[in-house]
Amino acid sequence: MKTTIVTLMVIEGLIASGAYAAGPETPPATVAGGLLTDANGMSLYTFAPDSATSSECNGSCSNSWPPLTADVDAGETGAFTIITRDDGQLQWVYAGRPLYRWVNDKMPGDTTGDGIGGNWHLARP
């Protein structure tokens, strides 16, 4: 009984300090210059044929447009949700639009993929 009480006191202390809390997930993208960017500042894109629940950019398409993947233990937060791609990977979705990078963007701030094929657009909040 004494061990249980001490254990509960330790857990309560961790929760109170924030060290044990399962607080809100960190969003997988941030806003920079009115655009969504990944953790490295690279521009993110959406693909017009996609839906809120599926990506239409699979196979060789994803070589040019790598999806913004989510870890298996990632938690959805705010407008960010997660879908499962055809290859089984998890992909971040913002406001119903799966997110991608463009292989030809080389530096943060590059936006060379915007408008390609009339289907690729910069992701905006």
N, C-alpha and C. Protein backbone atom coordinates (compact mmCIF):
# COMPACT_ATOMS: atom_id res chain seq x y z
N MET A 1 0.83 -1.19 0.00
CA MET A 1 0.00 0.00 0.00
C MET A 1 0.87 1.25 0.00
N LYS A 2 1.95 1.24 0.81
CA LYS A 2 2.83 2.38 0.90
C LYS A 2 3.51 2.65 -0.45
N THR A 3 3.92 1.58 -1.15
CA THR A 3 4.54 1.73 -2.46
C THR A 3 3.57 2.35 -3.46
N THR A 4 2.31 1.93 -3.42
CA THR A 4 1.30 2.48 -4.33
C THR A 4 1.11 3.97 -4.10
N ILE A 5 1.06 4.38 -2.84
CA ILE A 5 0.87 5.79 -2.52
C ILE A 5 2.07 6.61 -3.00
N VAL A 6 3.28 6.11 -2.78
CA VAL A 6 4.49 6.81 -3.22
C VAL A 6 4.51 6.91 -4.74
N THR A 7 4.15 5.82 -5.42
CA THR A 7 4.12 5.82 -6.88
C THR A 7 3.12 6.86 -7.40
N LEU A 8 1.94 6.90 -6.81
CA LEU A 8 0.94 7.88 -7.22
C LEU A 8 1.42 9.30 -6.98
N MET A 9 2.13 9.52 -5.86
CA MET A 9 2.64 10.85 -5.57
C MET A 9 3.69 11.27 -6.61
N VAL A 10 4.53 10.32 -7.03
CA VAL A 10 5.56 10.61 -8.04
C VAL A 10 4.88 10.95 -9.37
N ILE A 11 3.88 10.16 -9.77
CA ILE A 11 3.17 10.42 -11.02
C ILE A 11 2.46 11.77 -10.96
N GLU A 12 1.82 12.07 -9.85
CA GLU A 12 1.15 13.37 -9.71
C GLU A 12 2.15 14.51 -9.84
N GLY A 13 3.34 14.34 -9.26
CA GLY A 13 4.38 15.37 -9.36
C GLY A 13 4.85 15.55 -10.80
N LEU A 14 5.00 14.44 -11.54
CA LEU A 14 5.40 14.52 -12.94
C LEU A 14 4.33 15.21 -13.77
N ILE A 15 3.08 14.89 -13.53
CA ILE A 15 1.98 15.52 -14.25
C ILE A 15 1.96 17.01 -13.95
N ALA A 16 2.09 17.37 -12.70
CA ALA A 16 2.06 18.78 -12.31
C ALA A 16 3.21 19.56 -12.95
N SER A 17 4.36 18.92 -13.12
CA SER A 17 5.51 19.61 -13.70
C SER A 17 5.47 19.63 -15.22
N GLY A 18 4.56 18.84 -15.81
CA GLY A 18 4.46 18.77 -17.26
C GLY A 18 5.35 17.70 -17.86
N ALA A 19 6.14 17.01 -17.07
CA ALA A 19 7.05 16.00 -17.59
C ALA A 19 6.33 14.71 -17.99
N TYR A 20 5.12 14.51 -17.54
CA TYR A 20 4.39 13.28 -17.81
C TYR A 20 3.12 13.56 -18.60
N ALA A 21 2.81 14.81 -18.82
CA ALA A 21 1.57 15.15 -19.51
C ALA A 21 1.65 14.80 -20.98
N ALA A 22 0.53 14.37 -21.51
CA ALA A 22 0.44 14.06 -22.93
C ALA A 22 -0.17 15.26 -23.64
N GLY A 23 0.44 16.40 -23.48
CA GLY A 23 -0.09 17.65 -24.01
C GLY A 23 -0.34 17.59 -25.50
N PRO A 24 -0.77 18.69 -26.08
CA PRO A 24 -1.09 18.69 -27.51
C PRO A 24 0.13 18.38 -28.36
N GLU A 25 -0.12 17.68 -29.47
CA GLU A 25 0.94 17.34 -30.40
C GLU A 25 1.48 18.62 -31.04
N THR A 26 2.73 18.60 -31.41
CA THR A 26 3.31 19.70 -32.16
C THR A 26 2.84 19.56 -33.60
N PRO A 27 2.29 20.61 -34.19
CA PRO A 27 1.85 20.51 -35.58
C PRO A 27 3.01 20.10 -36.49
N PRO A 28 2.75 19.31 -37.52
CA PRO A 28 3.82 18.85 -38.42
C PRO A 28 4.28 19.92 -39.40
N ALA A 29 3.62 21.07 -39.42
CA ALA A 29 3.98 22.14 -40.33
C ALA A 29 3.77 23.48 -39.64
N THR A 30 4.49 24.48 -40.12
CA THR A 30 4.33 25.82 -39.57
C THR A 30 4.03 26.79 -40.72
N VAL A 31 3.63 27.99 -40.37
CA VAL A 31 3.34 29.00 -41.37
C VAL A 31 4.55 29.91 -41.51
N ALA A 32 5.01 30.08 -42.74
CA ALA A 32 6.13 30.98 -43.03
C ALA A 32 5.78 31.74 -44.30
N GLY A 33 5.65 33.04 -44.19
CA GLY A 33 5.33 33.86 -45.36
C GLY A 33 3.98 33.52 -45.97
N GLY A 34 3.04 33.10 -45.15
CA GLY A 34 1.71 32.76 -45.65
C GLY A 34 1.60 31.38 -46.25
N LEU A 35 2.67 30.57 -46.13
CA LEU A 35 2.67 29.21 -46.67
C LEU A 35 2.94 28.21 -45.56
N LEU A 36 2.48 26.99 -45.76
CA LEU A 36 2.83 25.92 -44.82
C LEU A 36 4.21 25.37 -45.19
N THR A 37 5.05 25.19 -44.19
CA THR A 37 6.38 24.63 -44.41
C THR A 37 6.61 23.49 -43.43
N ASP A 38 7.52 22.60 -43.80
CA ASP A 38 7.86 21.49 -42.91
C ASP A 38 8.84 21.97 -41.84
N ALA A 39 9.31 21.06 -41.02
CA ALA A 39 10.20 21.40 -39.91
C ALA A 39 11.51 22.02 -40.38
N ASN A 40 11.89 21.79 -41.64
CA ASN A 40 13.12 22.35 -42.19
C ASN A 40 12.89 23.63 -42.98
N GLY A 41 11.67 24.14 -42.97
CA GLY A 41 11.36 25.36 -43.69
C GLY A 41 11.06 25.16 -45.17
N MET A 42 10.94 23.90 -45.60
CA MET A 42 10.65 23.62 -47.00
C MET A 42 9.15 23.75 -47.27
N SER A 43 8.83 24.34 -48.41
CA SER A 43 7.44 24.57 -48.79
C SER A 43 6.70 23.25 -48.93
N LEU A 44 5.42 23.29 -48.56
CA LEU A 44 4.55 22.13 -48.69
C LEU A 44 3.50 22.41 -49.76
N TYR A 45 3.04 21.33 -50.39
CA TYR A 45 2.12 21.43 -51.51
C TYR A 45 0.92 20.50 -51.33
N THR A 46 -0.13 20.82 -52.09
CA THR A 46 -1.30 19.94 -52.16
C THR A 46 -1.49 19.53 -53.61
N PHE A 47 -2.21 18.43 -53.82
CA PHE A 47 -2.45 17.86 -55.14
C PHE A 47 -3.96 17.84 -55.37
N ALA A 48 -4.43 18.54 -56.39
CA ALA A 48 -5.87 18.73 -56.61
C ALA A 48 -6.68 17.43 -56.64
N PRO A 49 -6.20 16.33 -57.26
CA PRO A 49 -7.02 15.11 -57.30
C PRO A 49 -7.19 14.39 -55.95
N ASP A 50 -6.42 14.76 -54.93
CA ASP A 50 -6.53 14.11 -53.62
C ASP A 50 -7.87 14.39 -52.96
N SER A 51 -8.18 13.54 -51.99
CA SER A 51 -9.35 13.79 -51.13
C SER A 51 -8.86 13.86 -49.69
N ALA A 52 -9.75 14.13 -48.78
CA ALA A 52 -9.39 14.22 -47.36
C ALA A 52 -8.97 12.87 -46.79
N THR A 53 -9.32 11.80 -47.48
CA THR A 53 -9.03 10.46 -46.95
C THR A 53 -8.08 9.64 -47.80
N SER A 54 -7.63 10.19 -48.95
CA SER A 54 -6.71 9.41 -49.76
C SER A 54 -5.81 10.30 -50.62
N SER A 55 -4.62 9.76 -50.90
CA SER A 55 -3.65 10.40 -51.77
C SER A 55 -3.71 9.74 -53.13
N GLU A 56 -3.74 10.55 -54.17
CA GLU A 56 -3.71 10.04 -55.55
C GLU A 56 -2.30 10.07 -56.12
N CYS A 57 -1.33 10.54 -55.33
CA CYS A 57 0.07 10.59 -55.76
C CYS A 57 0.80 9.41 -55.12
N ASN A 58 0.85 8.31 -55.85
CA ASN A 58 1.48 7.09 -55.37
C ASN A 58 2.52 6.63 -56.39
N GLY A 59 3.26 5.60 -56.05
CA GLY A 59 4.25 5.05 -56.97
C GLY A 59 5.28 6.08 -57.37
N SER A 60 5.54 6.18 -58.69
CA SER A 60 6.59 7.10 -59.17
C SER A 60 6.25 8.56 -58.89
N CYS A 61 4.98 8.90 -58.76
CA CYS A 61 4.59 10.26 -58.43
C CYS A 61 5.22 10.69 -57.10
N SER A 62 5.25 9.78 -56.14
CA SER A 62 5.78 10.14 -54.83
C SER A 62 7.31 10.27 -54.82
N ASN A 63 7.97 9.87 -55.92
CA ASN A 63 9.41 10.13 -56.03
C ASN A 63 9.66 11.62 -56.26
N SER A 64 8.80 12.25 -57.04
CA SER A 64 8.92 13.68 -57.30
C SER A 64 8.24 14.53 -56.24
N TRP A 65 7.19 13.97 -55.66
CA TRP A 65 6.40 14.68 -54.66
C TRP A 65 6.35 13.84 -53.38
N PRO A 66 7.44 13.81 -52.62
CA PRO A 66 7.46 13.00 -51.39
C PRO A 66 6.38 13.47 -50.41
N PRO A 67 5.59 12.53 -49.91
CA PRO A 67 4.57 12.91 -48.93
C PRO A 67 5.19 13.36 -47.62
N LEU A 68 4.48 14.24 -46.92
CA LEU A 68 4.89 14.62 -45.57
C LEU A 68 4.40 13.50 -44.66
N THR A 69 5.31 12.60 -44.33
CA THR A 69 4.92 11.40 -43.58
C THR A 69 4.81 11.68 -42.09
N ALA A 70 3.98 10.87 -41.45
CA ALA A 70 3.76 10.94 -40.01
C ALA A 70 4.28 9.67 -39.36
N ASP A 71 4.81 9.81 -38.17
CA ASP A 71 5.23 8.64 -37.41
C ASP A 71 4.00 7.86 -36.95
N VAL A 72 4.18 6.57 -36.73
CA VAL A 72 3.07 5.71 -36.33
C VAL A 72 2.44 6.17 -35.01
N ASP A 73 3.21 6.82 -34.15
CA ASP A 73 2.68 7.26 -32.87
C ASP A 73 2.26 8.74 -32.88
N ALA A 74 2.25 9.36 -34.06
CA ALA A 74 1.85 10.77 -34.16
C ALA A 74 0.37 10.92 -33.83
N GLY A 75 0.04 12.03 -33.23
CA GLY A 75 -1.35 12.31 -32.90
C GLY A 75 -1.87 13.48 -33.70
N GLU A 76 -3.08 13.36 -34.17
CA GLU A 76 -3.70 14.45 -34.92
C GLU A 76 -3.87 15.66 -34.02
N THR A 77 -3.77 16.84 -34.61
CA THR A 77 -3.87 18.07 -33.83
C THR A 77 -4.47 19.18 -34.68
N GLY A 78 -5.47 19.84 -34.18
CA GLY A 78 -6.11 20.94 -34.91
C GLY A 78 -6.57 20.51 -36.28
N ALA A 79 -6.18 21.26 -37.31
CA ALA A 79 -6.57 20.96 -38.69
C ALA A 79 -5.71 19.87 -39.31
N PHE A 80 -4.72 19.35 -38.56
CA PHE A 80 -3.84 18.31 -39.07
C PHE A 80 -4.38 16.93 -38.71
N THR A 81 -4.63 16.14 -39.74
CA THR A 81 -5.08 14.76 -39.57
C THR A 81 -4.09 13.86 -40.30
N ILE A 82 -4.33 12.57 -40.24
CA ILE A 82 -3.42 11.59 -40.83
C ILE A 82 -4.22 10.60 -41.66
N ILE A 83 -3.68 10.25 -42.84
CA ILE A 83 -4.26 9.20 -43.66
C ILE A 83 -3.23 8.10 -43.86
N THR A 84 -3.70 6.93 -44.30
CA THR A 84 -2.81 5.84 -44.66
C THR A 84 -2.73 5.79 -46.19
N ARG A 85 -1.53 5.86 -46.70
CA ARG A 85 -1.30 5.84 -48.16
C ARG A 85 -1.38 4.41 -48.69
N ASP A 86 -1.43 4.28 -50.01
CA ASP A 86 -1.47 2.96 -50.66
C ASP A 86 -0.30 2.07 -50.25
N ASP A 87 0.87 2.69 -50.00
CA ASP A 87 2.05 1.90 -49.62
C ASP A 87 2.13 1.62 -48.11
N GLY A 88 1.10 2.05 -47.38
CA GLY A 88 1.05 1.80 -45.94
C GLY A 88 1.64 2.91 -45.09
N GLN A 89 2.36 3.85 -45.69
CA GLN A 89 2.90 4.97 -44.92
C GLN A 89 1.76 5.87 -44.45
N LEU A 90 2.04 6.56 -43.36
CA LEU A 90 1.09 7.55 -42.85
C LEU A 90 1.47 8.91 -43.41
N GLN A 91 0.48 9.71 -43.77
CA GLN A 91 0.73 11.01 -44.37
C GLN A 91 -0.10 12.07 -43.67
N TRP A 92 0.55 13.23 -43.44
CA TRP A 92 -0.15 14.36 -42.83
C TRP A 92 -1.09 15.01 -43.84
N VAL A 93 -2.22 15.44 -43.32
CA VAL A 93 -3.24 16.13 -44.10
C VAL A 93 -3.56 17.43 -43.37
N TYR A 94 -3.66 18.54 -44.11
CA TYR A 94 -4.03 19.80 -43.50
C TYR A 94 -5.38 20.24 -44.08
N ALA A 95 -6.36 20.43 -43.22
CA ALA A 95 -7.69 20.90 -43.63
C ALA A 95 -8.22 20.09 -44.81
N GLY A 96 -8.05 18.79 -44.76
CA GLY A 96 -8.57 17.91 -45.81
C GLY A 96 -7.71 17.77 -47.04
N ARG A 97 -6.47 18.28 -47.01
CA ARG A 97 -5.58 18.21 -48.17
C ARG A 97 -4.27 17.53 -47.78
N PRO A 98 -3.97 16.32 -48.32
CA PRO A 98 -2.68 15.68 -48.05
C PRO A 98 -1.52 16.61 -48.45
N LEU A 99 -0.44 16.53 -47.67
CA LEU A 99 0.70 17.43 -47.86
C LEU A 99 1.91 16.72 -48.44
N TYR A 100 2.63 17.44 -49.32
CA TYR A 100 3.79 16.92 -50.02
C TYR A 100 4.90 17.96 -50.06
N ARG A 101 6.12 17.48 -50.33
CA ARG A 101 7.25 18.33 -50.67
C ARG A 101 7.47 18.18 -52.18
N TRP A 102 8.27 19.06 -52.79
CA TRP A 102 8.61 18.98 -54.20
C TRP A 102 10.11 18.73 -54.30
N VAL A 103 10.50 17.70 -54.99
CA VAL A 103 11.90 17.28 -55.06
C VAL A 103 12.82 18.37 -55.60
N ASN A 104 12.31 19.28 -56.43
CA ASN A 104 13.16 20.32 -57.01
C ASN A 104 13.28 21.58 -56.16
N ASP A 105 12.57 21.65 -55.05
CA ASP A 105 12.81 22.73 -54.09
C ASP A 105 14.06 22.34 -53.31
N LYS A 106 15.08 23.17 -53.40
CA LYS A 106 16.37 22.82 -52.80
C LYS A 106 16.66 23.53 -51.48
N MET A 107 16.06 24.72 -51.30
CA MET A 107 16.33 25.52 -50.11
C MET A 107 15.03 26.00 -49.50
N PRO A 108 15.02 26.23 -48.18
CA PRO A 108 13.83 26.80 -47.57
C PRO A 108 13.40 28.07 -48.32
N GLY A 109 12.11 28.17 -48.53
CA GLY A 109 11.58 29.32 -49.25
C GLY A 109 11.37 29.08 -50.73
N ASP A 110 12.00 28.01 -51.30
CA ASP A 110 11.76 27.69 -52.70
C ASP A 110 10.30 27.29 -52.89
N THR A 111 9.72 27.72 -54.01
CA THR A 111 8.31 27.40 -54.31
C THR A 111 8.17 27.00 -55.78
N THR A 112 9.15 26.26 -56.29
CA THR A 112 9.19 25.96 -57.72
C THR A 112 8.13 24.96 -58.17
N GLY A 113 7.44 24.32 -57.24
CA GLY A 113 6.43 23.34 -57.63
C GLY A 113 5.04 23.91 -57.81
N ASP A 114 4.85 25.17 -57.43
CA ASP A 114 3.52 25.76 -57.50
C ASP A 114 3.01 25.83 -58.93
N GLY A 115 1.84 25.25 -59.17
CA GLY A 115 1.19 25.31 -60.47
C GLY A 115 1.58 24.21 -61.45
N ILE A 116 2.49 23.35 -61.10
CA ILE A 116 2.93 22.30 -62.02
C ILE A 116 1.73 21.44 -62.41
N GLY A 117 1.58 21.24 -63.71
CA GLY A 117 0.50 20.41 -64.24
C GLY A 117 -0.89 20.95 -63.94
N GLY A 118 -0.98 22.14 -63.39
CA GLY A 118 -2.27 22.70 -63.02
C GLY A 118 -2.90 22.03 -61.81
N ASN A 119 -2.18 21.06 -61.21
CA ASN A 119 -2.73 20.30 -60.07
C ASN A 119 -1.99 20.49 -58.76
N TRP A 120 -0.77 21.02 -58.83
CA TRP A 120 0.04 21.17 -57.62
C TRP A 120 0.02 22.62 -57.16
N HIS A 121 -0.29 22.81 -55.88
CA HIS A 121 -0.44 24.16 -55.35
C HIS A 121 0.24 24.27 -53.99
N LEU A 122 0.80 25.43 -53.72
CA LEU A 122 1.37 25.66 -52.41
C LEU A 122 0.29 25.51 -51.34
N ALA A 123 0.66 24.87 -50.25
CA ALA A 123 -0.28 24.69 -49.14
C ALA A 123 -0.32 25.99 -48.33
N ARG A 124 -1.53 26.47 -48.11
CA ARG A 124 -1.70 27.72 -47.36
C ARG A 124 -2.64 27.48 -46.19
N PRO A 125 -2.39 28.21 -45.09
CA PRO A 125 -3.28 28.04 -43.93
C PRO A 125 -4.66 28.63 -44.20
